[in-house]
């Protein structure tokens, strides 16, 4: 069985946390990965956050990737419609 310290040393996972941040009240919903950035676009223009460290968190669901792809497509459609006007 893989120990917490092994995960931390091998993969850089703080406290061996496979979800890139604890899924507690300080790190869920609008606070994941931090307040103000849970809607996927990050503070850098054109950079969207997804994966275990983003909302809704880790697991084998694929939800973070699906959600960010949906937001990127929405943004692309908005820009294309704005150019057409």
Protein backbone atom coordinates (compact mmCIF):
# COMPACT_ATOMS: atom_id res chain seq x y z
CA UNK A 1 0.00 0.00 0.00
CA UNK A 2 1.29 3.47 -0.88
CA UNK A 3 1.90 5.64 2.14
CA UNK A 4 1.15 9.36 2.40
CA UNK A 5 4.84 10.28 2.62
CA UNK A 6 5.56 8.22 -0.53
CA UNK A 7 2.90 10.15 -2.47
CA UNK A 8 4.26 13.44 -1.20
CA UNK A 9 7.87 12.63 -2.10
CA UNK A 10 7.16 10.95 -5.44
CA UNK A 11 4.47 13.23 -6.87
CA UNK A 12 4.74 16.40 -4.76
CA UNK A 13 1.28 15.85 -3.30
CA UNK A 14 1.08 17.83 -0.07
CA UNK A 15 0.18 15.43 2.73
CA UNK A 16 -0.30 12.78 0.01
CA UNK A 17 -3.55 14.48 -1.04
CA UNK A 18 -4.49 13.10 -4.48
CA UNK A 19 -7.11 15.82 -4.96
CA UNK A 20 -4.60 18.72 -5.03
CA UNK A 21 -6.17 20.40 -2.07
CA UNK A 22 -8.28 19.18 0.76
CA UNK A 23 -11.97 18.78 0.02
CA UNK A 24 -13.08 20.57 3.17
CA UNK A 25 -15.18 23.70 3.69
CA UNK A 26 -12.24 25.98 2.87
CA UNK A 27 -11.65 24.28 -0.50
CA UNK A 28 -15.02 23.44 -2.07
CA UNK A 29 -17.60 25.11 -4.27
CA UNK A 30 -16.74 28.78 -4.90
CA UNK A 31 -13.52 28.46 -2.89
CA UNK A 32 -11.87 25.90 -5.21
CA UNK A 33 -9.09 26.54 -6.07
CA UNK A 34 -9.56 29.91 -4.32
CA UNK A 35 -12.29 32.49 -3.91
CA UNK A 36 -12.96 34.35 -7.15
CA UNK A 37 -11.59 31.67 -9.47
CA UNK A 38 -14.04 28.77 -9.24
CA UNK A 39 -15.68 29.66 -12.56
CA UNK A 40 -12.60 28.29 -14.45
CA UNK A 41 -11.00 31.33 -16.10
CA UNK A 42 -7.98 32.19 -14.01
CA UNK A 43 -6.26 35.50 -13.35
CA UNK A 44 -4.23 35.10 -16.56
CA UNK A 45 -6.19 35.89 -19.74
CA UNK A 46 -6.86 32.77 -21.81
CA UNK A 47 -5.82 30.37 -19.04
CA UNK A 48 -8.59 28.15 -17.66
CA UNK A 49 -8.16 25.98 -14.59
CA UNK A 50 -9.34 22.39 -14.53
CA UNK A 51 -8.37 19.09 -12.98
CA UNK A 52 -8.40 17.90 -9.41
CA UNK A 53 -7.37 21.30 -8.10
CA UNK A 54 -10.33 23.06 -9.73
CA UNK A 55 -14.05 23.00 -9.03
CA UNK A 56 -15.72 20.53 -8.32
CA UNK A 57 -12.59 18.69 -7.20
CA UNK A 58 -10.89 15.41 -7.82
CA UNK A 59 -12.11 11.94 -8.38
CA UNK A 60 -12.57 9.87 -11.50
CA UNK A 61 -15.59 11.83 -12.70
CA UNK A 62 -13.95 13.97 -15.38
CA UNK A 63 -16.27 16.77 -14.26
CA UNK A 64 -13.60 19.49 -13.97
CA UNK A 65 -12.45 18.92 -17.57
CA UNK A 66 -15.99 18.70 -18.87
CA UNK A 67 -16.99 21.90 -17.09
CA UNK A 68 -14.00 23.91 -18.30
CA UNK A 69 -14.51 22.69 -21.88
CA UNK A 70 -18.13 23.85 -21.68
CA UNK A 71 -17.01 27.29 -20.47
CA UNK A 72 -14.40 27.58 -23.23
CA UNK A 73 -16.99 26.72 -25.90
CA UNK A 74 -19.43 29.23 -24.41
CA UNK A 75 -16.77 31.93 -24.47
CA UNK A 76 -15.80 31.05 -28.05
CA UNK A 77 -19.43 31.29 -29.20
CA UNK A 78 -19.89 34.66 -27.45
CA UNK A 79 -16.81 36.10 -29.15
CA UNK A 80 -17.83 34.74 -32.54
CA UNK A 81 -21.33 36.21 -32.19
CA UNK A 82 -19.86 39.58 -31.09
CA UNK A 83 -17.65 39.68 -34.21
CA UNK A 84 -20.64 38.89 -36.45
CA UNK A 85 -22.51 41.99 -35.28
